[in-house]
Amino acid sequence: MEPVNTDVSAESDGPAAAVDGDTGTGEASGAATLGMIQLAVEELWPESLAEDWDEVGLVAGHPGAEVHRVMFAVDPTIDVIEEAIDFGAELLITHHPLLLKGVTSVAANTAKGKAVHRLIESGTALMTVHTNGDSAVGGVSDVLADALGLQNVAPLTPAANGLPEEGIGRVGDLEEVLTLGDFAARVFGILPSVAGGVRVSGDRDGLIRRVAVCGGAGDSLFGEVRASNADVYVTADLRHHPASEVREAAVNDRPYLIDVSHFASEWLWLPAAAEALGNVLTDQGHDVEIRVSTTNSDPWDFILTPG
């Protein structure tokens, strides 16, 4: 049994296939400030779309500081922060929050404290776009649905404070009927290479057309998935008991389940997000270089499988 290859190199189709380009090479009116970028981020991914339990927005940084380089990443890990510093980024935008749960200390001998100190000491601001980035048009699940070729896409859970097309998760239809095996291969093919691969529950030869997706952990949406009449549900972090219960309650074996890497499902959004922010800043006349992190922050390194 050989471990799955988790190498993420510059030649791969995974996280190392970074967006690295000048997003404003025309007649720039000057450097953007962090405060200006906050306004651009709010335009794209309004904080009002974030779930009540979430913590999004500016985590560290002075709104008046100039920003010439920005890096996007999934996780604010130390390795990602060091990559941003090496790039010379004055701003790191991550999907996952650094301080989602309360802490009583940011001493540098703790993991989160070390991250906070490194950011501040290097002059690197940190901003979080989490469930507002999930819910917004062009967000995490929209990008996943588009990559899978879904049509007539709608939210699984419409946003309470957003447009009709905004909300958590998406459901839509494939252009043509596929077997579950072929569709799972499509899912595997669009994701960056990670140790966990793709797990599938269902008949490999079963036919599917209607697909529900949720980037990140989505086992709280099983009720909405059933109501959407989806043939298959693609999400991450499926736990044993919820997945078993869905299988036991399945009607005609549907919905089938496809469990993917949390990191991989959300990484797909980063290039699109970088391009969207770059377009807004360019339209405003700012010369800002935006890059997507090449660090694989999936927590797993290898996997052993039967045979």
C-alpha atoms as a PDB file:
ATOM      1  CA  MET A   1       0.000   0.000   0.000  1.00  0.00           C
ATOM      2  CA  GLU A   2       1.491   3.279  -1.071  1.00  0.00           C
ATOM      3  CA  PRO A   3       0.480   6.640   0.349  1.00  0.00           C
ATOM      4  CA  VAL A   4      -1.374   9.038  -1.902  1.00  0.00           C
ATOM      5  CA  ASN A   5       0.942  11.631  -3.444  1.00  0.00           C
ATOM      6  CA  THR A   6       0.381  14.942  -1.688  1.00  0.00           C
ATOM      7  CA  ASP A   7       3.101  16.892  -3.454  1.00  0.00           C
ATOM      8  CA  VAL A   8       1.931  20.355  -4.469  1.00  0.00           C
ATOM      9  CA  SER A   9       4.534  21.671  -6.877  1.00  0.00           C
ATOM     10  CA  ALA A  10       4.641  24.669  -9.177  1.00  0.00           C
ATOM     11  CA  GLU A  11       3.820  22.389 -12.096  1.00  0.00           C
ATOM     12  CA  SER A  12       0.734  20.842 -10.533  1.00  0.00           C
ATOM     13  CA  ASP A  13      -2.902  21.766 -11.054  1.00  0.00           C
ATOM     14  CA  GLY A  14      -3.386  22.186  -7.323  1.00  0.00           C
ATOM     15  CA  PRO A  15      -2.684  25.072  -4.967  1.00  0.00           C
ATOM     16  CA  ALA A  16       0.637  25.834  -6.610  1.00  0.00           C
ATOM     17  CA  ALA A  17      -1.190  26.868  -9.775  1.00  0.00           C
ATOM     18  CA  ALA A  18      -1.251  30.333  -8.270  1.00  0.00           C
ATOM     19  CA  VAL A  19      -2.697  33.530  -9.615  1.00  0.00           C
ATOM     20  CA  ASP A  20       0.348  35.744  -9.858  1.00  0.00           C
ATOM     21  CA  GLY A  21      -0.201  38.863 -11.821  1.00  0.00           C
ATOM     22  CA  ASP A  22      -0.356  42.627 -11.644  1.00  0.00           C
ATOM     23  CA  THR A  23      -3.995  43.541 -11.195  1.00  0.00           C
ATOM     24  CA  GLY A  24      -3.528  47.186 -12.078  1.00  0.00           C
ATOM     25  CA  THR A  25      -0.946  48.116 -14.665  1.00  0.00           C
ATOM     26  CA  GLY A  26      -2.690  51.119 -16.197  1.00  0.00           C
ATOM     27  CA  GLU A  27      -2.880  54.700 -15.046  1.00  0.00           C
ATOM     28  CA  ALA A  28      -2.989  54.114 -11.318  1.00  0.00           C
ATOM     29  CA  SER A  29      -4.036  56.925  -8.993  1.00  0.00           C
ATOM     30  CA  GLY A  30      -1.641  55.675  -6.359  1.00  0.00           C
ATOM     31  CA  ALA A  31      -1.332  52.918  -3.845  1.00  0.00           C
ATOM     32  CA  ALA A  32      -4.445  51.550  -2.213  1.00  0.00           C
ATOM     33  CA  THR A  33      -4.791  51.767   1.535  1.00  0.00           C
ATOM     34  CA  LEU A  34      -5.988  48.904   3.676  1.00  0.00           C
ATOM     35  CA  GLY A  35      -9.185  50.858   4.307  1.00  0.00           C
ATOM     36  CA  MET A  36      -9.815  51.150   0.562  1.00  0.00           C
ATOM     37  CA  ILE A  37      -9.360  47.415   0.150  1.00  0.00           C
ATOM     38  CA  GLN A  38     -11.763  46.832   3.035  1.00  0.00           C
ATOM     39  CA  LEU A  39     -14.405  48.750   1.074  1.00  0.00           C
ATOM     40  CA  ALA A  40     -13.685  46.711  -2.055  1.00  0.00           C
ATOM     41  CA  VAL A  41     -13.938  43.457  -0.083  1.00  0.00           C
ATOM     42  CA  GLU A  42     -17.236  44.635   1.417  1.00  0.00           C
ATOM     43  CA  GLU A  43     -18.547  45.340  -2.083  1.00  0.00           C
ATOM     44  CA  LEU A  44     -17.723  41.800  -3.198  1.00  0.00           C
ATOM     45  CA  TRP A  45     -18.440  39.827  -0.017  1.00  0.00           C
ATOM     46  CA  PRO A  46     -20.666  41.903   2.326  1.00  0.00           C
ATOM     47  CA  GLU A  47     -20.245  41.161   6.014  1.00  0.00           C
ATOM     48  CA  SER A  48     -24.054  41.127   6.288  1.00  0.00           C
ATOM     49  CA  LEU A  49     -23.960  37.759   4.481  1.00  0.00           C
ATOM     50  CA  ALA A  50     -21.855  36.142   7.214  1.00  0.00           C
ATOM     51  CA  GLU A  51     -23.522  33.667   9.557  1.00  0.00           C
ATOM     52  CA  ASP A  52     -24.301  34.940  13.065  1.00  0.00           C
ATOM     53  CA  TRP A  53     -21.650  32.714  14.667  1.00  0.00           C
ATOM     54  CA  ASP A  54     -18.918  33.775  12.270  1.00  0.00           C
ATOM     55  CA  GLU A  55     -16.087  36.283  12.694  1.00  0.00           C
ATOM     56  CA  VAL A  56     -15.148  38.063   9.473  1.00  0.00           C
ATOM     57  CA  GLY A  57     -13.467  41.306   8.476  1.00  0.00           C
ATOM     58  CA  LEU A  58     -10.214  42.926   9.510  1.00  0.00           C
ATOM     59  CA  VAL A  59      -8.293  40.973  12.153  1.00  0.00           C
ATOM     60  CA  ALA A  60      -5.009  42.898  12.240  1.00  0.00           C
ATOM     61  CA  GLY A  61      -3.724  45.972  10.445  1.00  0.00           C
ATOM     62  CA  HIS A  62      -4.058  49.765  10.266  1.00  0.00           C
ATOM     63  CA  PRO A  63      -6.718  50.994   7.794  1.00  0.00           C
ATOM     64  CA  GLY A  64      -4.454  53.854   6.713  1.00  0.00           C
ATOM     65  CA  ALA A  65      -1.510  51.628   5.766  1.00  0.00           C
ATOM     66  CA  GLU A  66      -0.588  51.398   2.088  1.00  0.00           C
ATOM     67  CA  VAL A  67      -1.044  48.036   0.376  1.00  0.00           C
ATOM     68  CA  HIS A  68       0.888  47.111  -2.760  1.00  0.00           C
ATOM     69  CA  ARG A  69       0.668  43.322  -2.534  1.00  0.00           C
ATOM     70  CA  VAL A  70      -2.120  41.008  -1.378  1.00  0.00           C
ATOM     71  CA  MET A  71      -2.118  37.251  -0.879  1.00  0.00           C
ATOM     72  CA  PHE A  72      -5.200  34.997  -0.729  1.00  0.00           C
ATOM     73  CA  ALA A  73      -5.165  31.697   1.207  1.00  0.00           C
ATOM     74  CA  VAL A  74      -7.551  29.226   2.810  1.00  0.00           C
ATOM     75  CA  ASP A  75      -5.958  29.110   6.273  1.00  0.00           C
ATOM     76  CA  PRO A  76      -3.959  31.633   8.330  1.00  0.00           C
ATOM     77  CA  THR A  77      -1.345  29.071   9.345  1.00  0.00           C
ATOM     78  CA  ILE A  78       2.204  30.056  10.217  1.00  0.00           C
ATOM     79  CA  ASP A  79       3.456  28.591   6.933  1.00  0.00           C
ATOM     80  CA  VAL A  80       0.943  30.681   4.995  1.00  0.00           C
ATOM     81  CA  ILE A  81       1.845  33.802   6.977  1.00  0.00           C
ATOM     82  CA  GLU A  82       5.538  33.248   6.264  1.00  0.00           C
ATOM     83  CA  GLU A  83       4.754  32.818   2.569  1.00  0.00           C
ATOM     84  CA  ALA A  84       2.849  36.111   2.580  1.00  0.00           C
ATOM     85  CA  ILE A  85       5.739  37.851   4.324  1.00  0.00           C
ATOM     86  CA  ASP A  86       8.253  36.421   1.847  1.00  0.00           C
ATOM     87  CA  PHE A  87       6.060  37.682  -1.010  1.00  0.00           C
ATOM     88  CA  GLY A  88       6.076  41.131   0.560  1.00  0.00           C
ATOM     89  CA  ALA A  89       2.312  41.192   1.054  1.00  0.00           C
ATOM     90  CA  GLU A  90       1.007  43.985   3.254  1.00  0.00           C
ATOM     91  CA  LEU A  91      -2.317  42.126   3.397  1.00  0.00           C
ATOM     92  CA  LEU A  92      -3.204  38.452   3.761  1.00  0.00           C
ATOM     93  CA  ILE A  93      -6.839  37.547   3.062  1.00  0.00           C
ATOM     94  CA  THR A  94      -7.855  34.115   4.321  1.00  0.00           C
ATOM     95  CA  HIS A  95     -11.097  32.208   4.064  1.00  0.00           C
ATOM     96  CA  HIS A  96     -10.865  30.723   7.544  1.00  0.00           C
ATOM     97  CA  PRO A  97     -10.742  32.983  10.600  1.00  0.00           C
ATOM     98  CA  LEU A  98      -7.694  33.017  12.868  1.00  0.00           C
ATOM     99  CA  LEU A  99      -9.711  33.976  15.950  1.00  0.00           C
ATOM    100  CA  LEU A 100     -13.098  32.318  15.434  1.00  0.00           C
ATOM    101  CA  LYS A 101     -13.193  31.065  19.007  1.00  0.00           C
ATOM    102  CA  GLY A 102     -12.333  33.321  21.931  1.00  0.00           C
ATOM    103  CA  VAL A 103      -8.798  33.355  23.293  1.00  0.00           C
ATOM    104  CA  THR A 104      -7.556  34.776  26.577  1.00  0.00           C
ATOM    105  CA  SER A 105      -3.984  35.364  25.438  1.00  0.00           C
ATOM    106  CA  VAL A 106      -2.032  36.136  22.286  1.00  0.00           C
ATOM    107  CA  ALA A 107       1.324  35.462  23.917  1.00  0.00           C
ATOM    108  CA  ALA A 108       3.902  34.457  21.327  1.00  0.00           C
ATOM    109  CA  ASN A 109       4.384  31.045  22.962  1.00  0.00           C
ATOM    110  CA  THR A 110       0.879  30.011  21.810  1.00  0.00           C
ATOM    111  CA  ALA A 111       0.031  29.065  18.243  1.00  0.00           C
ATOM    112  CA  LYS A 112      -2.460  31.862  17.656  1.00  0.00           C
ATOM    113  CA  GLY A 113      -0.331  34.339  19.569  1.00  0.00           C
ATOM    114  CA  LYS A 114       2.671  33.486  17.430  1.00  0.00           C
ATOM    115  CA  ALA A 115       0.585  34.143  14.310  1.00  0.00           C
ATOM    116  CA  VAL A 116      -0.659  37.486  15.629  1.00  0.00           C
ATOM    117  CA  HIS A 117       2.860  38.591  16.623  1.00  0.00           C
ATOM    118  CA  ARG A 118       4.319  37.543  13.281  1.00  0.00           C
ATOM    119  CA  LEU A 119       1.654  39.479  11.387  1.00  0.00           C
ATOM    120  CA  ILE A 120       2.033  42.668  13.407  1.00  0.00           C
ATOM    121  CA  GLU A 121       5.835  42.578  13.601  1.00  0.00           C
ATOM    122  CA  SER A 122       6.088  42.117   9.826  1.00  0.00           C
ATOM    123  CA  GLY A 123       3.517  44.782   9.026  1.00  0.00           C
ATOM    124  CA  THR A 124       1.191  42.257   7.395  1.00  0.00           C
ATOM    125  CA  ALA A 125      -2.523  42.864   7.861  1.00  0.00           C
ATOM    126  CA  LEU A 126      -4.973  39.956   8.081  1.00  0.00           C
ATOM    127  CA  MET A 127      -8.541  39.949   6.802  1.00  0.00           C
ATOM    128  CA  THR A 128     -11.091  37.118   6.883  1.00  0.00           C
ATOM    129  CA  VAL A 129     -13.749  36.402   4.234  1.00  0.00           C
ATOM    130  CA  HIS A 130     -15.521  33.288   5.507  1.00  0.00           C
ATOM    131  CA  THR A 131     -19.252  32.536   5.331  1.00  0.00           C
ATOM    132  CA  ASN A 132     -19.821  35.847   3.550  1.00  0.00           C
ATOM    133  CA  GLY A 133     -17.489  34.426   0.889  1.00  0.00           C
ATOM    134  CA  ASP A 134     -19.523  31.212   0.903  1.00  0.00           C
ATOM    135  CA  SER A 135     -22.851  32.968   0.454  1.00  0.00           C
ATOM    136  CA  ALA A 136     -22.066  35.756  -2.026  1.00  0.00           C
ATOM    137  CA  VAL A 137     -22.545  35.532  -5.765  1.00  0.00           C
ATOM    138  CA  GLY A 138     -19.322  34.100  -7.158  1.00  0.00           C
ATOM    139  CA  GLY A 139     -18.461  32.653  -3.755  1.00  0.00           C
ATOM    140  CA  VAL A 140     -17.075  29.283  -2.741  1.00  0.00           C
ATOM    141  CA  SER A 141     -20.062  27.118  -3.672  1.00  0.00           C
ATOM    142  CA  ASP A 142     -20.762  29.078  -6.859  1.00  0.00           C
ATOM    143  CA  VAL A 143     -17.198  28.418  -8.022  1.00  0.00           C
ATOM    144  CA  LEU A 144     -17.535  24.724  -7.130  1.00  0.00           C
ATOM    145  CA  ALA A 145     -20.856  24.460  -8.967  1.00  0.00           C
ATOM    146  CA  ASP A 146     -19.404  26.185 -12.028  1.00  0.00           C
ATOM    147  CA  ALA A 147     -16.328  23.942 -12.045  1.00  0.00           C
ATOM    148  CA  LEU A 148     -18.617  20.897 -12.047  1.00  0.00           C
ATOM    149  CA  GLY A 149     -20.656  22.244 -14.970  1.00  0.00           C
ATOM    150  CA  LEU A 150     -23.933  22.796 -13.112  1.00  0.00           C
ATOM    151  CA  GLN A 151     -26.745  24.769 -14.716  1.00  0.00           C
ATOM    152  CA  ASN A 152     -29.828  26.542 -13.315  1.00  0.00           C
ATOM    153  CA  VAL A 153     -27.995  26.985 -10.016  1.00  0.00           C
ATOM    154  CA  ALA A 154     -29.772  28.192  -6.870  1.00  0.00           C
ATOM    155  CA  PRO A 155     -28.817  28.382  -3.161  1.00  0.00           C
ATOM    156  CA  LEU A 156     -29.545  25.438  -0.897  1.00  0.00           C
ATOM    157  CA  THR A 157     -30.259  27.907   1.914  1.00  0.00           C
ATOM    158  CA  PRO A 158     -31.122  31.433   0.722  1.00  0.00           C
ATOM    159  CA  ALA A 159     -29.367  34.262   2.545  1.00  0.00           C
ATOM    160  CA  ALA A 160     -31.440  36.113   5.119  1.00  0.00           C
ATOM    161  CA  ASN A 161     -29.853  39.443   4.192  1.00  0.00           C
ATOM    162  CA  GLY A 162     -28.916  38.960   0.565  1.00  0.00           C
ATOM    163  CA  LEU A 163     -30.075  38.577  -2.995  1.00  0.00           C
ATOM    164  CA  PRO A 164     -32.242  35.597  -4.054  1.00  0.00           C
ATOM    165  CA  GLU A 165     -29.176  33.968  -5.640  1.00  0.00           C
ATOM    166  CA  GLU A 166     -27.096  34.313  -2.461  1.00  0.00           C
ATOM    167  CA  GLY A 167     -26.930  31.825   0.383  1.00  0.00           C
ATOM    168  CA  ILE A 168     -25.120  28.762   1.687  1.00  0.00           C
ATOM    169  CA  GLY A 169     -24.616  25.850  -0.699  1.00  0.00           C
ATOM    170  CA  ARG A 170     -25.841  25.485  -4.270  1.00  0.00           C
ATOM    171  CA  VAL A 171     -27.973  23.035  -6.245  1.00  0.00           C
ATOM    172  CA  GLY A 172     -28.177  22.678 -10.005  1.00  0.00           C
ATOM    173  CA  ASP A 173     -28.336  20.268 -12.904  1.00  0.00           C
ATOM    174  CA  LEU A 174     -25.704  18.626 -15.067  1.00  0.00           C
ATOM    175  CA  GLU A 175     -26.005  19.189 -18.800  1.00  0.00           C
ATOM    176  CA  GLU A 176     -26.307  15.443 -19.256  1.00  0.00           C
ATOM    177  CA  VAL A 177     -26.897  12.403 -17.075  1.00  0.00           C
ATOM    178  CA  LEU A 178     -23.713  10.806 -15.700  1.00  0.00           C
ATOM    179  CA  THR A 179     -22.988   7.720 -13.662  1.00  0.00           C
ATOM    180  CA  LEU A 180     -21.954   8.363 -10.094  1.00  0.00           C
ATOM    181  CA  GLY A 181     -18.523   6.913 -10.890  1.00  0.00           C
ATOM    182  CA  ASP A 182     -17.958   9.277 -13.818  1.00  0.00           C
ATOM    183  CA  PHE A 183     -19.201  12.259 -11.847  1.00  0.00           C
ATOM    184  CA  ALA A 184     -16.956  11.389  -8.889  1.00  0.00           C
ATOM    185  CA  ALA A 185     -14.032  11.279 -11.328  1.00  0.00           C
ATOM    186  CA  ARG A 186     -15.002  14.790 -12.466  1.00  0.00           C
ATOM    187  CA  VAL A 187     -15.025  15.974  -8.866  1.00  0.00           C
ATOM    188  CA  PHE A 188     -11.606  14.421  -8.280  1.00  0.00           C
ATOM    189  CA  GLY A 189     -10.258  16.036 -11.426  1.00  0.00           C
ATOM    190  CA  ILE A 190     -11.135  19.624 -10.550  1.00  0.00           C
ATOM    191  CA  LEU A 191      -9.696  19.584  -7.027  1.00  0.00           C
ATOM    192  CA  PRO A 192      -6.088  20.201  -5.959  1.00  0.00           C
ATOM    193  CA  SER A 193      -4.150  17.108  -4.954  1.00  0.00           C
ATOM    194  CA  VAL A 194      -4.506  16.257  -1.257  1.00  0.00           C
ATOM    195  CA  ALA A 195      -3.968  13.136   0.810  1.00  0.00           C
ATOM    196  CA  GLY A 196      -7.599  12.301   1.519  1.00  0.00           C
ATOM    197  CA  GLY A 197      -8.704  12.133  -2.094  1.00  0.00           C
ATOM    198  CA  VAL A 198     -12.455  11.740  -2.719  1.00  0.00           C
ATOM    199  CA  ARG A 199     -14.780   9.328  -0.871  1.00  0.00           C
ATOM    200  CA  VAL A 200     -18.032   8.192  -2.460  1.00  0.00           C
ATOM    201  CA  SER A 201     -21.162   6.598  -1.010  1.00  0.00           C
ATOM    202  CA  GLY A 202     -23.491   5.030  -3.550  1.00  0.00           C
ATOM    203  CA  ASP A 203     -23.803   2.804  -6.594  1.00  0.00           C
ATOM    204  CA  ARG A 204     -20.911   3.519  -8.959  1.00  0.00           C
ATOM    205  CA  ASP A 205     -23.251   2.883 -11.920  1.00  0.00           C
ATOM    206  CA  GLY A 206     -26.151   4.882 -10.484  1.00  0.00           C
ATOM    207  CA  LEU A 207     -27.365   7.700 -12.744  1.00  0.00           C
ATOM    208  CA  ILE A 208     -27.329  11.300 -11.570  1.00  0.00           C
ATOM    209  CA  ARG A 209     -28.255  14.700 -12.944  1.00  0.00           C
ATOM    210  CA  ARG A 210     -29.267  16.977 -10.066  1.00  0.00           C
ATOM    211  CA  VAL A 211     -26.315  17.929  -7.871  1.00  0.00           C
ATOM    212  CA  ALA A 212     -26.064  19.765  -4.553  1.00  0.00           C
ATOM    213  CA  VAL A 213     -22.748  21.210  -3.407  1.00  0.00           C
ATOM    214  CA  CYS A 214     -21.387  22.990  -0.366  1.00  0.00           C
ATOM    215  CA  GLY A 215     -17.753  24.014  -0.112  1.00  0.00           C
ATOM    216  CA  GLY A 216     -16.361  23.256   3.331  1.00  0.00           C
ATOM    217  CA  ALA A 217     -18.239  21.306   5.992  1.00  0.00           C
ATOM    218  CA  GLY A 218     -21.830  20.815   4.860  1.00  0.00           C
ATOM    219  CA  ASP A 219     -23.423  18.068   6.914  1.00  0.00           C
ATOM    220  CA  SER A 220     -25.755  20.616   8.541  1.00  0.00           C
ATOM    221  CA  LEU A 221     -27.593  20.976   5.213  1.00  0.00           C
ATOM    222  CA  PHE A 222     -28.894  17.435   4.735  1.00  0.00           C
ATOM    223  CA  GLY A 223     -32.489  18.589   5.147  1.00  0.00           C
ATOM    224  CA  GLU A 224     -32.071  21.177   2.403  1.00  0.00           C
ATOM    225  CA  VAL A 225     -30.328  18.635   0.174  1.00  0.00           C
ATOM    226  CA  ARG A 226     -33.264  16.225   0.495  1.00  0.00           C
ATOM    227  CA  ALA A 227     -35.739  19.034  -0.204  1.00  0.00           C
ATOM    228  CA  SER A 228     -33.820  19.979  -3.353  1.00  0.00           C
ATOM    229  CA  ASN A 229     -34.265  16.446  -4.777  1.00  0.00           C
ATOM    230  CA  ALA A 230     -30.545  16.237  -5.479  1.00  0.00           C
ATOM    231  CA  ASP A 231     -29.247  12.903  -6.726  1.00  0.00           C
ATOM    232  CA  VAL A 232     -25.843  13.501  -5.135  1.00  0.00           C
ATOM    233  CA  TYR A 233     -24.370  15.840  -2.550  1.00  0.00           C
ATOM    234  CA  VAL A 234     -20.764  17.041  -2.745  1.00  0.00           C
ATOM    235  CA  THR A 235     -19.302  18.508   0.442  1.00  0.00           C
ATOM    236  CA  ALA A 236     -16.484  18.076   2.978  1.00  0.00           C
ATOM    237  CA  ASP A 237     -15.926  16.709   6.468  1.00  0.00           C
ATOM    238  CA  LEU A 238     -18.772  14.187   6.384  1.00  0.00           C
ATOM    239  CA  ARG A 239     -18.862  12.463   9.756  1.00  0.00           C
ATOM    240  CA  HIS A 240     -19.740   8.813  10.310  1.00  0.00           C
ATOM    241  CA  HIS A 241     -23.110   9.157  12.054  1.00  0.00           C
ATOM    242  CA  PRO A 242     -24.664  11.908   9.884  1.00  0.00           C
ATOM    243  CA  ALA A 243     -23.514  10.110   6.723  1.00  0.00           C
ATOM    244  CA  SER A 244     -24.860   6.775   7.985  1.00  0.00           C
ATOM    245  CA  GLU A 245     -28.211   8.362   8.842  1.00  0.00           C
ATOM    246  CA  VAL A 246     -28.481   9.868   5.363  1.00  0.00           C
ATOM    247  CA  ARG A 247     -27.817   6.472   3.813  1.00  0.00           C
ATOM    248  CA  GLU A 248     -30.455   4.830   6.024  1.00  0.00           C
ATOM    249  CA  ALA A 249     -33.043   7.499   5.164  1.00  0.00           C
ATOM    250  CA  ALA A 250     -32.257   7.546   1.422  1.00  0.00           C
ATOM    251  CA  VAL A 251     -35.104   7.317  -1.083  1.00  0.00           C
ATOM    252  CA  ASN A 252     -34.128   5.167  -4.077  1.00  0.00           C
ATOM    253  CA  ASP A 253     -30.618   5.338  -2.635  1.00  0.00           C
ATOM    254  CA  ARG A 254     -30.555   9.121  -3.125  1.00  0.00           C
ATOM    255  CA  PRO A 255     -28.886  11.368  -2.330  1.00  0.00           C
ATOM    256  CA  TYR A 256     -25.540   9.735  -2.975  1.00  0.00           C
ATOM    257  CA  LEU A 257     -22.674  11.342  -1.046  1.00  0.00           C
ATOM    258  CA  ILE A 258     -19.271  12.572  -2.194  1.00  0.00           C
ATOM    259  CA  ASP A 259     -16.926  13.620   0.600  1.00  0.00           C
ATOM    260  CA  VAL A 260     -13.981  15.828  -0.377  1.00  0.00           C
ATOM    261  CA  SER A 261     -11.198  17.705   1.379  1.00  0.00           C
ATOM    262  CA  HIS A 262     -12.371  20.807   3.230  1.00  0.00           C
ATOM    263  CA  PHE A 263      -9.245  22.669   2.120  1.00  0.00           C
ATOM    264  CA  ALA A 264      -9.480  21.525  -1.500  1.00  0.00           C
ATOM    265  CA  SER A 265     -13.155  22.424  -1.893  1.00  0.00           C
ATOM    266  CA  GLU A 266     -12.507  25.977  -0.713  1.00  0.00           C
ATOM    267  CA  TRP A 267      -9.158  26.481  -2.454  1.00  0.00           C
ATOM    268  CA  LEU A 268     -11.002  26.533  -5.798  1.00  0.00           C
ATOM    269  CA  TRP A 269     -12.469  29.906  -4.833  1.00  0.00           C
ATOM    270  CA  LEU A 270      -9.138  31.640  -4.272  1.00  0.00           C
ATOM    271  CA  PRO A 271      -8.164  32.359  -7.908  1.00  0.00           C
ATOM    272  CA  ALA A 272     -11.669  33.643  -8.641  1.00  0.00           C
ATOM    273  CA  ALA A 273     -11.621  35.805  -5.515  1.00  0.00           C
ATOM    274  CA  ALA A 274      -8.199  37.197  -6.367  1.00  0.00           C
ATOM    275  CA  GLU A 275      -9.368  38.071  -9.866  1.00  0.00           C
ATOM    276  CA  ALA A 276     -12.567  39.695  -8.582  1.00  0.00           C
ATOM    277  CA  LEU A 277     -10.737  41.887  -6.069  1.00  0.00           C
ATOM    278  CA  GLY A 278      -8.109  42.756  -8.664  1.00  0.00           C
ATOM    279  CA  ASN A 279     -10.803  43.888 -11.089  1.00  0.00           C
ATOM    280  CA  VAL A 280     -12.426  46.158  -8.505  1.00  0.00           C
ATOM    281  CA  LEU A 281      -9.116  47.723  -7.482  1.00  0.00           C
ATOM    282  CA  THR A 282      -8.059  48.189 -11.113  1.00  0.00           C
ATOM    283  CA  ASP A 283     -11.363  49.924 -11.874  1.00  0.00           C
ATOM    284  CA  GLN A 284     -10.608  52.270  -8.987  1.00  0.00           C
ATOM    285  CA  GLY A 285      -7.183  53.028 -10.447  1.00  0.00           C
ATOM    286  CA  HIS A 286      -5.078  51.183  -7.877  1.00  0.00           C
ATOM    287  CA  ASP A 287      -1.917  49.252  -8.706  1.00  0.00           C
ATOM    288  CA  VAL A 288      -2.018  46.174  -6.462  1.00  0.00           C
ATOM    289  CA  GLU A 289      -0.350  42.824  -7.111  1.00  0.00           C
ATOM    290  CA  ILE A 290      -2.461  39.871  -5.978  1.00  0.00           C
ATOM    291  CA  ARG A 291      -1.268  36.304  -5.573  1.00  0.00           C
ATOM    292  CA  VAL A 292      -2.824  33.044  -4.397  1.00  0.00           C
ATOM    293  CA  SER A 293      -0.899  31.106  -1.763  1.00  0.00           C
ATOM    294  CA  THR A 294       0.907  27.995  -2.955  1.00  0.00           C
ATOM    295  CA  THR A 295       0.889  26.443   0.534  1.00  0.00           C
ATOM    296  CA  ASN A 296      -1.129  23.250   0.919  1.00  0.00           C
ATOM    297  CA  SER A 297      -2.737  23.721   4.336  1.00  0.00           C
ATOM    298  CA  ASP A 298      -4.738  20.508   4.221  1.00  0.00           C
ATOM    299  CA  PRO A 299      -3.885  18.919   7.599  1.00  0.00           C
ATOM    300  CA  TRP A 300      -3.345  15.381   6.255  1.00  0.00           C
ATOM    301  CA  ASP A 301      -0.065  14.170   4.745  1.00  0.00           C
ATOM    302  CA  PHE A 302      -0.754  10.647   3.483  1.00  0.00           C
ATOM    303  CA  ILE A 303      -3.373   7.920   3.510  1.00  0.00           C
ATOM    304  CA  LEU A 304      -3.295   4.131   3.474  1.00  0.00           C
ATOM    305  CA  THR A 305      -5.971   2.285   1.530  1.00  0.00           C
ATOM    306  CA  PRO A 306      -6.851  -1.403   1.057  1.00  0.00           C
ATOM    307  CA  GLY A 307      -5.146  -3.148  -1.861  1.00  0.00           C
END
